[in-house]
Amino acid sequence: MKIRIGTFNLYQFVKPPYSWYTKKEKFNPIQWEEKTSWIKKQINKMDCDIIGLQEVFSSKALKELVQELGFNYFKTVDIANTSKKNPKVYISTTVAIASKYPITKLHTVKPNFKSLKKHDFYDTFSFSRIPIKASITLPNNQDLLVYVAHLKSNRDNEFEYVFNASHTLEDKKEQVNKALKEGFSNSLKQRLCEASSLFFNIKKTIDTPTIFLCDLNDKEFSITIDALTNEKYHDENSLEDLHLLDANNLFEKEVYNPHPEATEEERTPTSYFVGKGNVLDYIFVSKHFDKNEKEHISKVSSYEIFNEHLENNHDGSLLQSDHAQVVCELIFNEKNQ
């Protein structure tokens, strides 16, 4: 048995006559038809069984859209709020999950107060977008826990460190802790609190195969990824390491006629800012999907980026999306069929 899972930032999914953030920001009926037609085509290309969706304002319209495409199970855990001054202007967004297999239970993800204290967060805390944690039962009777998240975005005027593969966890923590204590980036502080809270929630049920679909709003090698996945970020003396693994790193791409001096190919960006590509959208999986683990139940057989719409227009289009879509395919072991 195989399943395909994906993550899709829809980019202002707001059905007219509603607007997003300001009264003038809205689609007319023709534009809405064009946007929803493109989303349907893209979802069909992705060919997924389970999709995590971000930037969902009009959840009822999205439920109807995905049900047309065979996703009989659809859930949100929050409602997008509208302005008190104008009830047709949305001021917040949500995430959603669509599945072709039964969503048997939704679980609450609560803030972790030790994490808030660790990151010097003493104000009232709430997730910028409440994450989804859903139990899904596959046709082979395998239960999965699937998270959908959209973490706090960076404000354009705030400084955030950019790391690469050469930076150690200690390097990152040293630089970021200074930034947080001196108030350089409240957005980063919020994001780390969100990621850390999710880490501890995942840790409670890590014996169950887990998939995490997200717009992380942070880059490859970021400390946000450590806060979400790495036990040593939270306890440097721990003998454990990663609770979640980047599915991209578990997919072994076939190399034909490799050149002896060839270097590793750069990762395909999923979003652009001022012309620079970044990887912001991820699929993380628990060790149950790592074929090198003795007790694995499945392996990552592909990892695909659907980015054609960004190749000629890096900024994306409101009638499409400003993010690429990410899809991971999982093939289950014979005994788990």
Protein backbone atom coordinates (compact mmCIF):
# COMPACT_ATOMS: atom_id res chain seq x y z
CA MET A 1 0.00 0.00 0.00
CA LYS A 2 1.12 3.53 -0.67
CA ILE A 3 -0.26 6.92 0.30
CA ARG A 4 0.55 10.44 -0.84
CA ILE A 5 0.49 13.35 1.58
CA GLY A 6 0.87 17.04 0.78
CA THR A 7 0.94 20.57 2.11
CA PHE A 8 -0.66 23.49 0.23
CA ASN A 9 -0.66 27.17 1.21
CA LEU A 10 -3.71 28.44 -0.70
CA TYR A 11 -2.80 32.15 -0.50
CA GLN A 12 -5.83 34.13 0.69
CA PHE A 13 -8.61 31.59 0.21
CA VAL A 14 -11.45 34.11 0.62
CA LYS A 15 -14.73 33.63 -1.17
CA PRO A 16 -16.38 36.86 -2.38
CA PRO A 17 -17.98 39.08 -1.24
CA TYR A 18 -15.60 38.73 1.75
CA SER A 19 -12.23 40.51 1.89
CA TRP A 20 -8.96 39.78 3.67
CA TYR A 21 -7.51 42.33 6.12
CA THR A 22 -8.78 45.42 4.24
CA LYS A 23 -12.08 46.07 2.45
CA LYS A 24 -10.49 46.48 -0.98
CA GLU A 25 -8.56 43.17 -0.88
CA LYS A 26 -11.05 40.73 -2.37
CA PHE A 27 -11.79 38.65 -5.46
CA ASN A 28 -14.57 39.35 -7.90
CA PRO A 29 -16.64 36.32 -9.03
CA ILE A 30 -14.59 35.82 -12.20
CA GLN A 31 -11.30 35.93 -10.30
CA TRP A 32 -12.67 33.52 -7.69
CA GLU A 33 -13.67 31.07 -10.39
CA GLU A 34 -10.16 31.28 -11.86
CA LYS A 35 -8.50 30.78 -8.48
CA THR A 36 -10.63 27.82 -7.42
CA SER A 37 -10.26 26.18 -10.85
CA TRP A 38 -6.48 26.44 -10.54
CA ILE A 39 -6.54 25.01 -6.99
CA LYS A 40 -8.60 22.04 -8.21
CA LYS A 41 -6.17 21.38 -11.06
CA GLN A 42 -3.23 21.63 -8.67
CA ILE A 43 -4.77 19.24 -6.16
CA ASN A 44 -5.44 16.77 -8.96
CA LYS A 45 -1.78 17.04 -10.02
CA MET A 46 -0.64 16.44 -6.46
CA ASP A 47 -2.70 13.22 -6.42
CA CYS A 48 -2.78 13.08 -2.63
CA ASP A 49 -4.71 11.07 -0.09
CA ILE A 50 -4.19 13.60 2.71
CA ILE A 51 -3.51 17.34 2.37
CA GLY A 52 -2.75 20.01 4.96
CA LEU A 53 -4.01 23.44 3.86
CA GLN A 54 -2.99 26.90 5.04
CA GLU A 55 -4.41 30.43 4.64
CA VAL A 56 -7.98 29.18 4.88
CA PHE A 57 -10.53 31.91 5.48
CA SER A 58 -13.64 30.48 3.77
CA SER A 59 -13.66 26.97 5.23
CA LYS A 60 -17.14 26.02 4.01
CA ALA A 61 -16.20 26.85 0.41
CA LEU A 62 -12.97 24.84 0.79
CA LYS A 63 -14.84 21.84 2.19
CA GLU A 64 -17.13 21.85 -0.85
CA LEU A 65 -14.15 22.19 -3.20
CA VAL A 66 -12.18 19.25 -1.81
CA GLN A 67 -15.26 17.04 -1.52
CA GLU A 68 -15.75 17.47 -5.27
CA LEU A 69 -12.26 15.96 -5.65
CA GLY A 70 -12.93 12.89 -3.50
CA PHE A 71 -11.80 14.11 -0.08
CA ASN A 72 -14.79 12.98 1.96
CA TYR A 73 -13.22 13.96 5.28
CA PHE A 74 -12.45 17.59 6.06
CA LYS A 75 -11.74 19.32 9.36
CA THR A 76 -10.78 22.68 10.81
CA VAL A 77 -10.31 23.46 14.51
CA ASP A 78 -10.77 27.22 14.36
CA ILE A 79 -12.89 29.86 12.65
CA ALA A 80 -11.39 32.81 10.78
CA ASN A 81 -12.40 35.99 12.57
CA THR A 82 -13.96 39.01 10.91
CA SER A 83 -13.55 42.67 11.81
CA LYS A 84 -15.94 44.16 14.36
CA LYS A 85 -16.11 47.27 12.20
CA ASN A 86 -16.87 45.35 9.02
CA PRO A 87 -18.12 41.74 9.31
CA LYS A 88 -17.19 41.06 5.69
CA VAL A 89 -13.47 41.65 6.27
CA TYR A 90 -11.49 38.70 7.63
CA ILE A 91 -8.72 39.57 10.07
CA SER A 92 -7.39 36.07 10.85
CA THR A 93 -6.84 32.82 9.03
CA THR A 94 -6.92 29.11 9.82
CA VAL A 95 -5.54 25.75 8.69
CA ALA A 96 -7.49 22.72 7.47
CA ILE A 97 -7.02 19.05 6.68
CA ALA A 98 -8.61 17.09 3.83
CA SER A 99 -8.44 13.30 3.72
CA LYS A 100 -9.74 10.45 1.59
CA TYR A 101 -9.57 8.24 4.69
CA PRO A 102 -11.55 8.60 7.93
CA ILE A 103 -10.50 11.30 10.38
CA THR A 104 -11.43 9.45 13.55
CA LYS A 105 -10.46 12.01 16.17
CA LEU A 106 -9.20 15.57 16.62
CA HIS A 107 -6.80 16.30 19.48
CA THR A 108 -6.15 19.58 21.24
CA VAL A 109 -2.67 21.11 20.98
CA LYS A 110 -2.01 23.31 24.00
CA PRO A 111 0.82 25.78 24.63
CA ASN A 112 3.70 24.41 26.68
CA PHE A 113 4.24 26.85 29.51
CA LYS A 114 7.79 25.70 30.27
CA SER A 115 8.64 26.56 26.67
CA LEU A 116 7.13 30.01 27.01
CA LYS A 117 9.26 30.70 30.07
CA LYS A 118 12.38 29.34 28.38
CA HIS A 119 11.90 31.81 25.52
CA ASP A 120 11.22 34.76 27.86
CA PHE A 121 7.58 34.95 26.74
CA TYR A 122 5.57 36.41 29.61
CA ASP A 123 2.57 37.87 27.78
CA THR A 124 -0.66 36.03 27.11
CA PHE A 125 0.17 33.38 24.53
CA SER A 126 -1.90 31.86 21.75
CA PHE A 127 -0.93 30.19 18.48
CA SER A 128 -0.98 32.58 15.53
CA ARG A 129 -2.96 29.82 13.78
CA ILE A 130 -4.30 26.97 15.92
CA PRO A 131 -2.67 23.75 14.65
CA ILE A 132 -4.57 20.59 13.77
CA LYS A 133 -3.74 17.19 15.24
CA ALA A 134 -5.88 14.49 13.65
CA SER A 135 -6.06 10.71 13.96
CA ILE A 136 -6.56 9.08 10.55
CA THR A 137 -7.16 5.39 9.91
CA LEU A 138 -5.80 3.97 6.64
CA PRO A 139 -7.33 1.05 4.69
CA ASN A 140 -4.65 -1.26 6.13
CA ASN A 141 -5.97 -0.33 9.62
CA GLN A 142 -2.82 1.68 10.34
CA ASP A 143 -3.49 4.70 12.53
CA LEU A 144 -1.62 7.93 11.83
CA LEU A 145 -1.36 11.21 13.69
CA VAL A 146 -1.31 14.06 11.19
CA TYR A 147 -0.51 17.64 12.20
CA VAL A 148 -1.21 20.70 10.06
CA ALA A 149 0.48 23.94 11.08
CA HIS A 150 1.19 27.46 9.85
CA LEU A 151 3.68 29.10 12.18
CA LYS A 152 4.10 32.80 12.87
CA SER A 153 5.51 34.76 9.93
CA ASN A 154 8.39 37.20 10.18
CA ARG A 155 7.68 40.90 10.05
CA ASP A 156 9.60 42.61 7.28
CA ASN A 157 11.18 45.08 9.68
CA GLU A 158 12.51 42.50 12.12
CA PHE A 159 15.95 40.96 11.98
CA GLU A 160 16.24 37.18 12.01
CA TYR A 161 19.40 35.11 11.68
CA VAL A 162 19.91 32.94 8.60
CA PHE A 163 21.82 29.72 9.18
CA ASN A 164 23.37 27.09 6.94
CA ALA A 165 24.54 23.48 7.25
CA SER A 166 27.84 24.53 8.88
CA HIS A 167 26.14 26.06 11.95
CA THR A 168 25.85 23.83 15.00
CA LEU A 169 22.89 23.89 17.34
CA GLU A 170 25.09 25.68 19.88
CA ASP A 171 25.96 28.36 17.30
CA LYS A 172 22.31 28.95 16.58
CA LYS A 173 21.23 29.07 20.20
CA GLU A 174 23.99 31.50 21.15
CA GLN A 175 23.02 33.99 18.44
CA VAL A 176 19.26 33.61 18.75
CA ASN A 177 19.17 33.85 22.56
CA LYS A 178 20.90 37.23 22.35
CA ALA A 179 18.35 38.41 19.77
CA LEU A 180 15.41 37.25 21.86
CA LYS A 181 16.62 38.81 25.11
CA GLU A 182 17.29 42.14 23.41
CA GLY A 183 13.90 42.11 21.69
CA PHE A 184 15.20 42.02 18.10
CA SER A 185 12.43 39.75 16.88
CA ASN A 186 9.12 39.18 18.63
CA SER A 187 7.96 37.17 15.63
CA LEU A 188 10.82 34.70 16.04
CA LYS A 189 10.06 34.42 19.76
CA GLN A 190 6.41 33.63 18.96
CA ARG A 191 7.43 31.09 16.32
CA LEU A 192 9.86 29.32 18.66
CA CYS A 193 7.18 29.12 21.35
CA GLU A 194 4.81 27.60 18.81
CA ALA A 195 7.40 25.11 17.53
CA SER A 196 8.46 24.15 21.06
CA SER A 197 4.87 23.64 22.19
CA LEU A 198 4.30 21.41 19.18
CA PHE A 199 7.50 19.47 19.98
CA PHE A 200 6.25 18.56 23.45
CA ASN A 201 2.81 17.67 22.15
CA ILE A 202 4.35 15.38 19.51
CA LYS A 203 6.65 13.83 22.12
CA LYS A 204 3.64 12.62 24.16
CA THR A 205 2.39 10.42 21.34
CA ILE A 206 5.57 9.75 19.35
CA ASP A 207 5.01 5.97 19.52
CA THR A 208 2.21 6.49 16.98
CA PRO A 209 3.35 7.08 13.37
CA THR A 210 3.26 10.85 12.92
CA ILE A 211 3.27 13.20 9.94
CA PHE A 212 3.69 16.97 10.24
CA LEU A 213 2.54 19.17 7.32
CA CYS A 214 3.42 22.83 7.53
CA ASP A 215 4.18 26.26 6.26
CA LEU A 216 6.97 26.74 8.79
CA ASN A 217 7.57 30.38 7.85
CA ASP A 218 11.25 29.73 8.45
CA LYS A 219 14.11 28.52 6.30
CA GLU A 220 16.13 25.37 5.88
CA PHE A 221 18.62 24.96 8.80
CA SER A 222 16.59 27.42 10.91
CA ILE A 223 16.51 27.08 14.67
CA THR A 224 12.72 26.78 14.39
CA ILE A 225 13.28 23.31 12.89
CA ASP A 226 15.44 22.38 15.89
CA ALA A 227 12.76 23.63 18.29
CA LEU A 228 10.17 21.50 16.48
CA THR A 229 12.16 18.30 15.98
CA ASN A 230 15.31 18.10 18.11
CA GLU A 231 15.32 16.86 21.72
CA LYS A 232 18.75 18.43 22.25
CA TYR A 233 17.33 21.91 21.61
CA HIS A 234 15.26 21.44 24.76
CA ASP A 235 17.72 19.37 26.82
CA GLU A 236 21.36 19.47 25.78
CA ASN A 237 22.13 16.49 28.04
CA SER A 238 19.53 14.25 26.45
CA LEU A 239 20.67 11.03 24.79
CA GLU A 240 17.76 11.31 22.35
CA ASP A 241 17.98 13.38 19.20
CA LEU A 242 15.31 13.88 16.53
CA HIS A 243 11.64 13.07 17.09
CA LEU A 244 10.73 14.14 13.56
CA LEU A 245 12.73 13.84 10.34
CA ASP A 246 12.57 15.97 7.21
CA ALA A 247 10.98 13.66 4.63
CA ASN A 248 13.05 15.32 1.91
CA ASN A 249 16.18 13.88 3.52
CA LEU A 250 14.72 10.36 3.60
CA PHE A 251 14.06 10.23 -0.13
CA GLU A 252 17.05 8.81 -1.98
CA LYS A 253 17.10 10.33 -5.45
CA GLU A 254 18.53 8.14 -8.20
CA VAL A 255 21.71 9.55 -9.74
CA TYR A 256 22.59 8.50 -13.28
CA ASN A 257 26.22 8.70 -14.42
CA PRO A 258 27.33 10.74 -11.39
CA HIS A 259 30.23 13.11 -11.93
CA PRO A 260 33.03 12.51 -9.40
CA GLU A 261 33.15 16.23 -8.53
CA ALA A 262 29.38 16.70 -8.36
CA THR A 263 28.09 18.56 -5.32
CA GLU A 264 24.74 18.06 -3.65
CA GLU A 265 21.92 19.74 -5.55
CA GLU A 266 20.38 22.78 -3.87
CA ARG A 267 16.93 22.27 -2.46
CA THR A 268 14.06 23.65 -4.56
CA PRO A 269 12.56 26.80 -3.00
CA THR A 270 8.89 26.75 -2.06
CA SER A 271 8.54 30.54 -1.74
CA TYR A 272 10.38 33.72 -2.75
CA PHE A 273 11.02 37.04 -1.03
CA VAL A 274 12.65 39.94 -2.89
CA GLY A 275 13.67 37.51 -5.61
CA LYS A 276 15.43 35.08 -3.24
CA GLY A 277 14.12 31.55 -2.96
CA ASN A 278 13.51 29.93 0.41
CA VAL A 279 12.26 26.57 1.63
CA LEU A 280 9.32 27.39 3.92
CA ASP A 281 6.99 24.43 3.33
CA TYR A 282 7.88 21.05 4.80
CA ILE A 283 6.73 17.53 5.49
CA PHE A 284 8.24 15.98 8.60
CA VAL A 285 7.72 12.35 9.60
CA SER A 286 8.43 10.21 12.64
CA LYS A 287 11.05 7.46 12.59
CA HIS A 288 8.38 4.94 11.61
CA PHE A 289 8.96 6.15 8.03
CA ASP A 290 12.75 5.91 8.05
CA LYS A 291 13.73 2.69 6.30
CA ASN A 292 17.02 2.64 8.23
CA GLU A 293 15.13 2.19 11.50
CA LYS A 294 14.64 -1.43 12.56
CA GLU A 295 10.95 -0.98 13.42
CA HIS A 296 9.99 1.13 10.40
CA ILE A 297 6.56 0.50 8.87
CA SER A 298 7.03 2.45 5.65
CA LYS A 299 9.56 4.33 3.56
CA VAL A 300 9.61 7.63 1.68
CA SER A 301 9.43 6.75 -2.02
CA SER A 302 9.21 10.27 -3.46
CA TYR A 303 9.37 13.92 -2.45
CA GLU A 304 7.99 16.36 -5.02
CA ILE A 305 7.77 20.14 -5.33
CA PHE A 306 4.99 21.56 -7.52
CA ASN A 307 6.40 24.96 -8.45
CA GLU A 308 5.66 25.57 -12.13
CA HIS A 309 3.52 28.60 -11.29
CA LEU A 310 6.50 30.22 -9.52
CA GLU A 311 9.11 29.62 -12.21
CA ASN A 312 8.10 32.64 -14.30
CA ASN A 313 6.63 34.68 -11.46
CA HIS A 314 8.49 34.24 -8.19
CA ASP A 315 6.00 36.37 -6.29
CA GLY A 316 3.17 34.08 -7.27
CA SER A 317 -0.32 35.22 -8.16
CA LEU A 318 -3.35 35.82 -5.98
CA LEU A 319 -5.24 33.78 -8.56
CA GLN A 320 -2.89 30.87 -7.86
CA SER A 321 -0.50 30.78 -4.87
CA ASP A 322 2.76 32.35 -3.73
CA HIS A 323 3.96 28.98 -2.41
CA ALA A 324 4.91 25.75 -4.11
CA GLN A 325 3.10 22.62 -3.02
CA VAL A 326 5.01 19.76 -1.42
CA VAL A 327 4.05 16.08 -1.75
CA CYS A 328 5.60 13.01 -0.15
CA GLU A 329 4.78 9.44 -1.10
CA LEU A 330 5.00 6.64 1.46
CA ILE A 331 5.14 2.92 0.63
CA PHE A 332 4.25 0.58 3.47
CA ASN A 333 6.14 -2.61 4.20
CA GLU A 334 4.61 -5.86 3.03
CA LYS A 335 3.63 -6.85 6.58
CA ASN A 336 1.91 -3.46 7.02
CA GLN A 337 -0.13 -3.71 3.82
